[in-house]
Amino acid sequence: MIIQSPGEIAFNIFNFPVYSYGIILAFAVFLGVCTAEILAKKFSDIPENFFVDNSPAVIIAGIFGARLYYCIVNYPYYIHNPLEIFDIRQGGLSIHGMLIAGIITFYFLAKKYRVNLLRLLDVLACSVILAQSAGRWGNFFNSEAFGYPTGGNWGVFIPVSQRPVEFLNYEFFHPAFLYESFLDLVIFAVLIFILRRTRAGCTFFWYLILYSVVRIFVEYFRIDSVLNIGGFPIAQVVSVLLIIAGVIGLKTVNCKRY
């Protein structure tokens, strides 16, 4: 089976291009906020419409953190092209940066509203992983987040302009974005199961572990990782650290059935 991006631009409004990546990202955010609001109704200590009312601040912080992280790990390019730091219309957002910014934002929101931070992060974990599953399709339209050549008549077709130099003669590549999208959906189902049965914090820490395992797996397929540390993609390095944090967190909150 061959899948091929129809192109980065979805349509034009008065000669102004509207990118598919942006549409997918907007849908993913909307999906995440709605999911969080639905799940929050399970917990009486979370105010009604909490996630809807605070979504502007969370979204702005998330985009800022995602872009800042991406630019930092790609500093050799952006240090010579500083004005492009502000151009996110063609991609360049990191889930790890968004996650860090989101945790910080929810810390202050939890203090302001006097809500259990760990419970907020539990809901955040479920909604974010579902949004990630949808958002990965933005990579499809941008012809990015792909893996090694498949060596056959299947995979995702990557235009010559997007292929690494050493793979210019190949047409079809592993759709790494699709692998992660599907696995994120599986994680969402697992986290919902955990959320309904464990103490505050358990779902969030399991999210750190499960998503990080998936990211390590997917990174083995990808050939467009932004930065390597000691021969390993930075996404894998950060994922290992998050797994450690998740394991420590699970031991700290002492996850047990309600």
C-alpha atoms as a PDB file:
ATOM      1  CA  MET A   1       0.000   0.000   0.000  1.00  0.00           C
ATOM      2  CA  ILE A   2       1.275   3.451  -0.945  1.00  0.00           C
ATOM      3  CA  ILE A   3       0.240   6.650   0.779  1.00  0.00           C
ATOM      4  CA  GLN A   4       1.245  10.057  -0.506  1.00  0.00           C
ATOM      5  CA  SER A   5       0.753  13.540   0.874  1.00  0.00           C
ATOM      6  CA  PRO A   6      -1.575  15.702  -1.251  1.00  0.00           C
ATOM      7  CA  GLY A   7       0.705  18.632  -0.408  1.00  0.00           C
ATOM      8  CA  GLU A   8       1.431  21.035   2.422  1.00  0.00           C
ATOM      9  CA  ILE A   9      -1.143  23.657   1.414  1.00  0.00           C
ATOM     10  CA  ALA A  10      -4.807  22.782   2.001  1.00  0.00           C
ATOM     11  CA  PHE A  11      -6.230  25.854   0.270  1.00  0.00           C
ATOM     12  CA  ASN A  12      -5.675  29.566  -0.256  1.00  0.00           C
ATOM     13  CA  ILE A  13      -7.619  32.540   1.044  1.00  0.00           C
ATOM     14  CA  PHE A  14      -6.942  35.647  -1.044  1.00  0.00           C
ATOM     15  CA  ASN A  15      -3.590  34.166  -2.089  1.00  0.00           C
ATOM     16  CA  PHE A  16      -2.758  33.423   1.547  1.00  0.00           C
ATOM     17  CA  PRO A  17      -1.871  29.732   1.918  1.00  0.00           C
ATOM     18  CA  VAL A  18      -3.535  27.752   4.697  1.00  0.00           C
ATOM     19  CA  TYR A  19      -1.367  24.773   5.587  1.00  0.00           C
ATOM     20  CA  SER A  20      -2.738  21.325   6.328  1.00  0.00           C
ATOM     21  CA  TYR A  21      -0.298  21.066   9.243  1.00  0.00           C
ATOM     22  CA  GLY A  22      -2.014  23.989  10.929  1.00  0.00           C
ATOM     23  CA  ILE A  23      -5.468  22.549  10.355  1.00  0.00           C
ATOM     24  CA  ILE A  24      -4.448  19.189  11.802  1.00  0.00           C
ATOM     25  CA  LEU A  25      -2.781  20.891  14.771  1.00  0.00           C
ATOM     26  CA  ALA A  26      -5.896  22.971  15.464  1.00  0.00           C
ATOM     27  CA  PHE A  27      -8.076  19.853  15.309  1.00  0.00           C
ATOM     28  CA  ALA A  28      -5.712  17.993  17.655  1.00  0.00           C
ATOM     29  CA  VAL A  29      -5.866  20.837  20.180  1.00  0.00           C
ATOM     30  CA  PHE A  30      -9.659  20.977  19.962  1.00  0.00           C
ATOM     31  CA  LEU A  31      -9.851  17.205  20.441  1.00  0.00           C
ATOM     32  CA  GLY A  32      -7.522  17.373  23.434  1.00  0.00           C
ATOM     33  CA  VAL A  33      -9.463  20.158  25.177  1.00  0.00           C
ATOM     34  CA  CYS A  34     -12.820  18.426  24.642  1.00  0.00           C
ATOM     35  CA  THR A  35     -11.439  15.110  25.897  1.00  0.00           C
ATOM     36  CA  ALA A  36      -9.953  16.753  28.984  1.00  0.00           C
ATOM     37  CA  GLU A  37     -13.264  18.443  29.796  1.00  0.00           C
ATOM     38  CA  ILE A  38     -15.179  15.176  29.466  1.00  0.00           C
ATOM     39  CA  LEU A  39     -12.721  13.267  31.648  1.00  0.00           C
ATOM     40  CA  ALA A  40     -12.592  16.059  34.260  1.00  0.00           C
ATOM     41  CA  LYS A  41     -16.271  15.512  35.082  1.00  0.00           C
ATOM     42  CA  LYS A  42     -15.233  12.296  36.808  1.00  0.00           C
ATOM     43  CA  PHE A  43     -13.458  14.285  39.512  1.00  0.00           C
ATOM     44  CA  SER A  44     -15.414  16.607  41.795  1.00  0.00           C
ATOM     45  CA  ASP A  45     -12.357  18.671  42.768  1.00  0.00           C
ATOM     46  CA  ILE A  46     -11.805  19.914  39.203  1.00  0.00           C
ATOM     47  CA  PRO A  47     -14.016  22.985  38.546  1.00  0.00           C
ATOM     48  CA  GLU A  48     -16.541  22.799  35.731  1.00  0.00           C
ATOM     49  CA  ASN A  49     -15.184  24.104  32.393  1.00  0.00           C
ATOM     50  CA  PHE A  50     -11.690  24.241  33.896  1.00  0.00           C
ATOM     51  CA  PHE A  51      -9.926  23.070  30.751  1.00  0.00           C
ATOM     52  CA  VAL A  52     -12.066  25.127  28.375  1.00  0.00           C
ATOM     53  CA  ASP A  53     -11.623  28.313  30.410  1.00  0.00           C
ATOM     54  CA  ASN A  54      -7.864  27.871  30.732  1.00  0.00           C
ATOM     55  CA  SER A  55      -7.224  26.439  27.273  1.00  0.00           C
ATOM     56  CA  PRO A  56      -5.929  29.750  25.785  1.00  0.00           C
ATOM     57  CA  ALA A  57      -3.159  30.018  28.386  1.00  0.00           C
ATOM     58  CA  VAL A  58      -2.288  26.329  28.116  1.00  0.00           C
ATOM     59  CA  ILE A  59      -2.262  26.382  24.300  1.00  0.00           C
ATOM     60  CA  ILE A  60      -0.060  29.486  24.129  1.00  0.00           C
ATOM     61  CA  ALA A  61       2.350  28.052  26.705  1.00  0.00           C
ATOM     62  CA  GLY A  62       2.389  24.701  24.903  1.00  0.00           C
ATOM     63  CA  ILE A  63       3.151  26.195  21.499  1.00  0.00           C
ATOM     64  CA  PHE A  64       5.831  28.437  23.005  1.00  0.00           C
ATOM     65  CA  GLY A  65       7.479  25.513  24.800  1.00  0.00           C
ATOM     66  CA  ALA A  66       7.214  23.222  21.765  1.00  0.00           C
ATOM     67  CA  ARG A  67       8.785  25.812  19.468  1.00  0.00           C
ATOM     68  CA  LEU A  68      11.489  26.848  21.933  1.00  0.00           C
ATOM     69  CA  TYR A  69      12.552  23.240  22.470  1.00  0.00           C
ATOM     70  CA  TYR A  70      12.623  22.563  18.726  1.00  0.00           C
ATOM     71  CA  CYS A  71      14.718  25.670  18.037  1.00  0.00           C
ATOM     72  CA  ILE A  72      17.153  24.805  20.829  1.00  0.00           C
ATOM     73  CA  VAL A  73      17.813  21.307  19.496  1.00  0.00           C
ATOM     74  CA  ASN A  74      18.151  22.805  16.003  1.00  0.00           C
ATOM     75  CA  TYR A  75      20.270  25.748  17.143  1.00  0.00           C
ATOM     76  CA  PRO A  76      22.930  25.396  14.381  1.00  0.00           C
ATOM     77  CA  TYR A  77      20.253  26.342  11.851  1.00  0.00           C
ATOM     78  CA  TYR A  78      18.316  28.950  13.815  1.00  0.00           C
ATOM     79  CA  ILE A  79      21.375  30.756  15.105  1.00  0.00           C
ATOM     80  CA  HIS A  80      22.005  31.733  11.472  1.00  0.00           C
ATOM     81  CA  ASN A  81      18.314  32.206  10.642  1.00  0.00           C
ATOM     82  CA  PRO A  82      16.865  33.838  13.785  1.00  0.00           C
ATOM     83  CA  LEU A  83      13.808  35.334  12.088  1.00  0.00           C
ATOM     84  CA  GLU A  84      12.594  31.857  11.147  1.00  0.00           C
ATOM     85  CA  ILE A  85      12.195  31.059  14.842  1.00  0.00           C
ATOM     86  CA  PHE A  86       8.824  32.781  14.646  1.00  0.00           C
ATOM     87  CA  ASP A  87       7.683  30.885  11.545  1.00  0.00           C
ATOM     88  CA  ILE A  88       5.795  27.784  12.707  1.00  0.00           C
ATOM     89  CA  ARG A  89       3.473  27.524   9.727  1.00  0.00           C
ATOM     90  CA  GLN A  90       5.492  24.731   8.151  1.00  0.00           C
ATOM     91  CA  GLY A  91       6.071  22.707  11.306  1.00  0.00           C
ATOM     92  CA  GLY A  92       8.825  22.650  13.879  1.00  0.00           C
ATOM     93  CA  LEU A  93       7.082  21.874  17.183  1.00  0.00           C
ATOM     94  CA  SER A  94       8.325  19.344  19.730  1.00  0.00           C
ATOM     95  CA  ILE A  95       6.018  17.282  21.929  1.00  0.00           C
ATOM     96  CA  HIS A  96       8.661  17.166  24.656  1.00  0.00           C
ATOM     97  CA  GLY A  97       8.826  20.962  24.760  1.00  0.00           C
ATOM     98  CA  MET A  98       5.054  21.179  24.848  1.00  0.00           C
ATOM     99  CA  LEU A  99       4.906  18.674  27.689  1.00  0.00           C
ATOM    100  CA  ILE A 100       7.407  20.595  29.823  1.00  0.00           C
ATOM    101  CA  ALA A 101       5.592  23.894  29.244  1.00  0.00           C
ATOM    102  CA  GLY A 102       2.247  22.240  29.955  1.00  0.00           C
ATOM    103  CA  ILE A 103       3.385  20.803  33.287  1.00  0.00           C
ATOM    104  CA  ILE A 104       4.707  24.189  34.390  1.00  0.00           C
ATOM    105  CA  THR A 105       1.474  25.901  33.360  1.00  0.00           C
ATOM    106  CA  PHE A 106      -0.685  23.371  35.187  1.00  0.00           C
ATOM    107  CA  TYR A 107       1.445  23.757  38.294  1.00  0.00           C
ATOM    108  CA  PHE A 108       0.481  27.418  38.537  1.00  0.00           C
ATOM    109  CA  LEU A 109      -3.138  26.718  37.599  1.00  0.00           C
ATOM    110  CA  ALA A 110      -3.366  24.066  40.317  1.00  0.00           C
ATOM    111  CA  LYS A 111      -2.143  26.588  42.903  1.00  0.00           C
ATOM    112  CA  LYS A 112      -4.515  29.272  41.644  1.00  0.00           C
ATOM    113  CA  TYR A 113      -7.610  27.050  41.717  1.00  0.00           C
ATOM    114  CA  ARG A 114      -6.444  24.875  44.628  1.00  0.00           C
ATOM    115  CA  VAL A 115      -6.792  21.702  42.599  1.00  0.00           C
ATOM    116  CA  ASN A 116      -4.802  18.489  42.947  1.00  0.00           C
ATOM    117  CA  LEU A 117      -1.941  18.909  40.457  1.00  0.00           C
ATOM    118  CA  LEU A 118      -1.474  15.189  39.949  1.00  0.00           C
ATOM    119  CA  ARG A 119      -5.136  14.735  39.075  1.00  0.00           C
ATOM    120  CA  LEU A 120      -4.894  17.548  36.550  1.00  0.00           C
ATOM    121  CA  LEU A 121      -1.848  15.877  35.026  1.00  0.00           C
ATOM    122  CA  ASP A 122      -3.742  12.577  34.858  1.00  0.00           C
ATOM    123  CA  VAL A 123      -6.443  14.196  32.749  1.00  0.00           C
ATOM    124  CA  LEU A 124      -3.804  16.047  30.757  1.00  0.00           C
ATOM    125  CA  ALA A 125      -2.015  12.790  29.954  1.00  0.00           C
ATOM    126  CA  CYS A 126      -5.123  11.161  28.505  1.00  0.00           C
ATOM    127  CA  SER A 127      -6.120  14.175  26.445  1.00  0.00           C
ATOM    128  CA  VAL A 128      -2.592  14.902  25.225  1.00  0.00           C
ATOM    129  CA  ILE A 129      -1.892  11.375  23.986  1.00  0.00           C
ATOM    130  CA  LEU A 130      -5.128  11.416  21.987  1.00  0.00           C
ATOM    131  CA  ALA A 131      -4.199  14.822  20.559  1.00  0.00           C
ATOM    132  CA  GLN A 132      -0.754  13.470  19.704  1.00  0.00           C
ATOM    133  CA  SER A 133      -2.323  10.590  17.804  1.00  0.00           C
ATOM    134  CA  ALA A 134      -4.292  13.038  15.664  1.00  0.00           C
ATOM    135  CA  GLY A 135      -1.530  15.632  15.420  1.00  0.00           C
ATOM    136  CA  ARG A 136       0.980  13.181  13.963  1.00  0.00           C
ATOM    137  CA  TRP A 137      -0.954  13.328  10.703  1.00  0.00           C
ATOM    138  CA  GLY A 138       0.326  16.863  10.272  1.00  0.00           C
ATOM    139  CA  ASN A 139       3.708  15.243   9.600  1.00  0.00           C
ATOM    140  CA  PHE A 140       2.116  13.272   6.780  1.00  0.00           C
ATOM    141  CA  PHE A 141       1.054  16.408   4.928  1.00  0.00           C
ATOM    142  CA  ASN A 142       4.508  17.934   5.462  1.00  0.00           C
ATOM    143  CA  SER A 143       6.237  14.729   4.260  1.00  0.00           C
ATOM    144  CA  GLU A 144       8.255  14.473   7.473  1.00  0.00           C
ATOM    145  CA  ALA A 145       8.707  12.076  10.416  1.00  0.00           C
ATOM    146  CA  PHE A 146       9.401   9.189   8.043  1.00  0.00           C
ATOM    147  CA  GLY A 147      11.726   6.225   8.405  1.00  0.00           C
ATOM    148  CA  TYR A 148      14.169   4.227   6.339  1.00  0.00           C
ATOM    149  CA  PRO A 149      13.297   3.138   2.796  1.00  0.00           C
ATOM    150  CA  THR A 150      10.941   0.172   2.725  1.00  0.00           C
ATOM    151  CA  GLY A 151      12.709  -1.394  -0.238  1.00  0.00           C
ATOM    152  CA  GLY A 152       9.402  -2.338  -1.824  1.00  0.00           C
ATOM    153  CA  ASN A 153       6.214  -0.997  -3.324  1.00  0.00           C
ATOM    154  CA  TRP A 154       4.717   0.069  -0.040  1.00  0.00           C
ATOM    155  CA  GLY A 155       5.191   2.877   2.455  1.00  0.00           C
ATOM    156  CA  VAL A 156       4.828   6.641   2.276  1.00  0.00           C
ATOM    157  CA  PHE A 157       6.042   8.425  -0.854  1.00  0.00           C
ATOM    158  CA  ILE A 158       8.506  11.204  -0.011  1.00  0.00           C
ATOM    159  CA  PRO A 159       9.248  13.936  -2.598  1.00  0.00           C
ATOM    160  CA  VAL A 160      12.855  14.269  -3.723  1.00  0.00           C
ATOM    161  CA  SER A 161      13.131  17.669  -2.027  1.00  0.00           C
ATOM    162  CA  GLN A 162      12.372  16.065   1.354  1.00  0.00           C
ATOM    163  CA  ARG A 163      14.643  13.040   1.084  1.00  0.00           C
ATOM    164  CA  PRO A 164      18.028  12.845   2.809  1.00  0.00           C
ATOM    165  CA  VAL A 165      20.903  12.992   0.333  1.00  0.00           C
ATOM    166  CA  GLU A 166      21.912   9.381   0.917  1.00  0.00           C
ATOM    167  CA  PHE A 167      18.381   8.170   0.048  1.00  0.00           C
ATOM    168  CA  LEU A 168      17.655  10.276  -3.034  1.00  0.00           C
ATOM    169  CA  ASN A 169      17.170   7.192  -5.195  1.00  0.00           C
ATOM    170  CA  TYR A 170      14.451   5.756  -2.964  1.00  0.00           C
ATOM    171  CA  GLU A 171      10.773   6.695  -3.240  1.00  0.00           C
ATOM    172  CA  PHE A 172       8.985   4.835  -0.455  1.00  0.00           C
ATOM    173  CA  PHE A 173       9.792   5.077   3.239  1.00  0.00           C
ATOM    174  CA  HIS A 174       8.471   3.727   6.532  1.00  0.00           C
ATOM    175  CA  PRO A 175       5.544   5.921   7.671  1.00  0.00           C
ATOM    176  CA  ALA A 176       6.958   6.454  11.156  1.00  0.00           C
ATOM    177  CA  PHE A 177       4.322   9.098  11.878  1.00  0.00           C
ATOM    178  CA  LEU A 178       1.616   6.491  11.247  1.00  0.00           C
ATOM    179  CA  TYR A 179       3.256   3.958  13.566  1.00  0.00           C
ATOM    180  CA  GLU A 180       3.337   6.508  16.361  1.00  0.00           C
ATOM    181  CA  SER A 181      -0.208   7.708  15.672  1.00  0.00           C
ATOM    182  CA  PHE A 182      -1.581   4.179  16.010  1.00  0.00           C
ATOM    183  CA  LEU A 183       0.469   3.358  19.115  1.00  0.00           C
ATOM    184  CA  ASP A 184      -0.587   6.636  20.744  1.00  0.00           C
ATOM    185  CA  LEU A 185      -4.191   5.589  20.241  1.00  0.00           C
ATOM    186  CA  VAL A 186      -3.455   2.289  21.988  1.00  0.00           C
ATOM    187  CA  ILE A 187      -1.827   4.188  24.873  1.00  0.00           C
ATOM    188  CA  PHE A 188      -4.942   6.380  25.161  1.00  0.00           C
ATOM    189  CA  ALA A 189      -7.102   3.288  25.698  1.00  0.00           C
ATOM    190  CA  VAL A 190      -4.677   1.950  28.314  1.00  0.00           C
ATOM    191  CA  LEU A 191      -4.538   5.278  30.167  1.00  0.00           C
ATOM    192  CA  ILE A 192      -8.335   5.528  30.303  1.00  0.00           C
ATOM    193  CA  PHE A 193      -8.379   2.096  31.930  1.00  0.00           C
ATOM    194  CA  ILE A 194      -5.732   3.208  34.458  1.00  0.00           C
ATOM    195  CA  LEU A 195      -7.442   6.553  35.134  1.00  0.00           C
ATOM    196  CA  ARG A 196     -10.624   4.870  36.323  1.00  0.00           C
ATOM    197  CA  ARG A 197      -8.859   2.543  38.742  1.00  0.00           C
ATOM    198  CA  THR A 198      -5.851   4.200  40.363  1.00  0.00           C
ATOM    199  CA  ARG A 199      -4.785   7.067  42.567  1.00  0.00           C
ATOM    200  CA  ALA A 200      -3.912  10.562  41.452  1.00  0.00           C
ATOM    201  CA  GLY A 201      -0.670  10.714  39.503  1.00  0.00           C
ATOM    202  CA  CYS A 202      -0.571   7.099  38.341  1.00  0.00           C
ATOM    203  CA  THR A 203      -2.055   7.797  34.919  1.00  0.00           C
ATOM    204  CA  PHE A 204       0.353  10.644  34.265  1.00  0.00           C
ATOM    205  CA  PHE A 205       3.429   8.654  35.260  1.00  0.00           C
ATOM    206  CA  TRP A 206       2.298   5.708  33.156  1.00  0.00           C
ATOM    207  CA  TYR A 207       1.912   8.144  30.271  1.00  0.00           C
ATOM    208  CA  LEU A 208       5.536   9.210  30.660  1.00  0.00           C
ATOM    209  CA  ILE A 209       6.628   5.580  30.542  1.00  0.00           C
ATOM    210  CA  LEU A 210       4.380   4.284  27.774  1.00  0.00           C
ATOM    211  CA  TYR A 211       4.790   7.196  25.399  1.00  0.00           C
ATOM    212  CA  SER A 212       8.541   7.223  25.936  1.00  0.00           C
ATOM    213  CA  VAL A 213       8.770   3.518  25.087  1.00  0.00           C
ATOM    214  CA  VAL A 214       6.803   4.163  21.901  1.00  0.00           C
ATOM    215  CA  ARG A 215       8.976   7.146  21.007  1.00  0.00           C
ATOM    216  CA  ILE A 216      12.174   5.136  21.483  1.00  0.00           C
ATOM    217  CA  PHE A 217      10.748   2.428  19.229  1.00  0.00           C
ATOM    218  CA  VAL A 218       9.619   4.846  16.507  1.00  0.00           C
ATOM    219  CA  GLU A 219      12.918   6.747  16.548  1.00  0.00           C
ATOM    220  CA  TYR A 220      14.694   3.572  15.419  1.00  0.00           C
ATOM    221  CA  PHE A 221      12.756   3.850  12.162  1.00  0.00           C
ATOM    222  CA  ARG A 222      13.180   7.580  11.641  1.00  0.00           C
ATOM    223  CA  ILE A 223      16.007   9.074   9.614  1.00  0.00           C
ATOM    224  CA  ASP A 224      15.108  12.734  10.122  1.00  0.00           C
ATOM    225  CA  SER A 225      15.846  13.099  13.833  1.00  0.00           C
ATOM    226  CA  VAL A 226      16.911  16.644  14.631  1.00  0.00           C
ATOM    227  CA  LEU A 227      19.866  16.047  16.939  1.00  0.00           C
ATOM    228  CA  ASN A 228      21.992  13.115  18.048  1.00  0.00           C
ATOM    229  CA  ILE A 229      23.760  12.807  21.386  1.00  0.00           C
ATOM    230  CA  GLY A 230      26.427  10.129  21.486  1.00  0.00           C
ATOM    231  CA  GLY A 231      24.929   8.553  18.391  1.00  0.00           C
ATOM    232  CA  PHE A 232      21.383   8.495  19.790  1.00  0.00           C
ATOM    233  CA  PRO A 233      18.544  10.847  18.762  1.00  0.00           C
ATOM    234  CA  ILE A 234      17.822  13.406  21.467  1.00  0.00           C
ATOM    235  CA  ALA A 235      14.198  12.201  21.499  1.00  0.00           C
ATOM    236  CA  GLN A 236      15.426   8.791  22.686  1.00  0.00           C
ATOM    237  CA  VAL A 237      17.707  10.339  25.306  1.00  0.00           C
ATOM    238  CA  VAL A 238      14.880  12.478  26.703  1.00  0.00           C
ATOM    239  CA  SER A 239      12.530   9.485  26.559  1.00  0.00           C
ATOM    240  CA  VAL A 240      14.874   7.424  28.734  1.00  0.00           C
ATOM    241  CA  LEU A 241      14.927  10.251  31.276  1.00  0.00           C
ATOM    242  CA  LEU A 242      11.115  10.411  31.238  1.00  0.00           C
ATOM    243  CA  ILE A 243      10.877   6.651  31.782  1.00  0.00           C
ATOM    244  CA  ILE A 244      13.088   7.007  34.836  1.00  0.00           C
ATOM    245  CA  ALA A 245      10.944   9.919  36.067  1.00  0.00           C
ATOM    246  CA  GLY A 246       7.808   7.856  35.463  1.00  0.00           C
ATOM    247  CA  VAL A 247       9.091   4.856  37.402  1.00  0.00           C
ATOM    248  CA  ILE A 248      10.151   7.059  40.327  1.00  0.00           C
ATOM    249  CA  GLY A 249       6.760   8.781  40.204  1.00  0.00           C
ATOM    250  CA  LEU A 250       4.864   5.502  40.332  1.00  0.00           C
ATOM    251  CA  LYS A 251       6.822   4.402  43.368  1.00  0.00           C
ATOM    252  CA  THR A 252       6.266   7.771  45.040  1.00  0.00           C
ATOM    253  CA  VAL A 253       2.478   7.908  44.645  1.00  0.00           C
ATOM    254  CA  ASN A 254       2.133   4.215  45.510  1.00  0.00           C
ATOM    255  CA  CYS A 255      -0.391   3.343  42.804  1.00  0.00           C
ATOM    256  CA  LYS A 256      -3.097   1.096  44.061  1.00  0.00           C
ATOM    257  CA  ARG A 257      -6.655   0.388  43.053  1.00  0.00           C
ATOM    258  CA  TYR A 258      -9.289   2.692  44.530  1.00  0.00           C
END
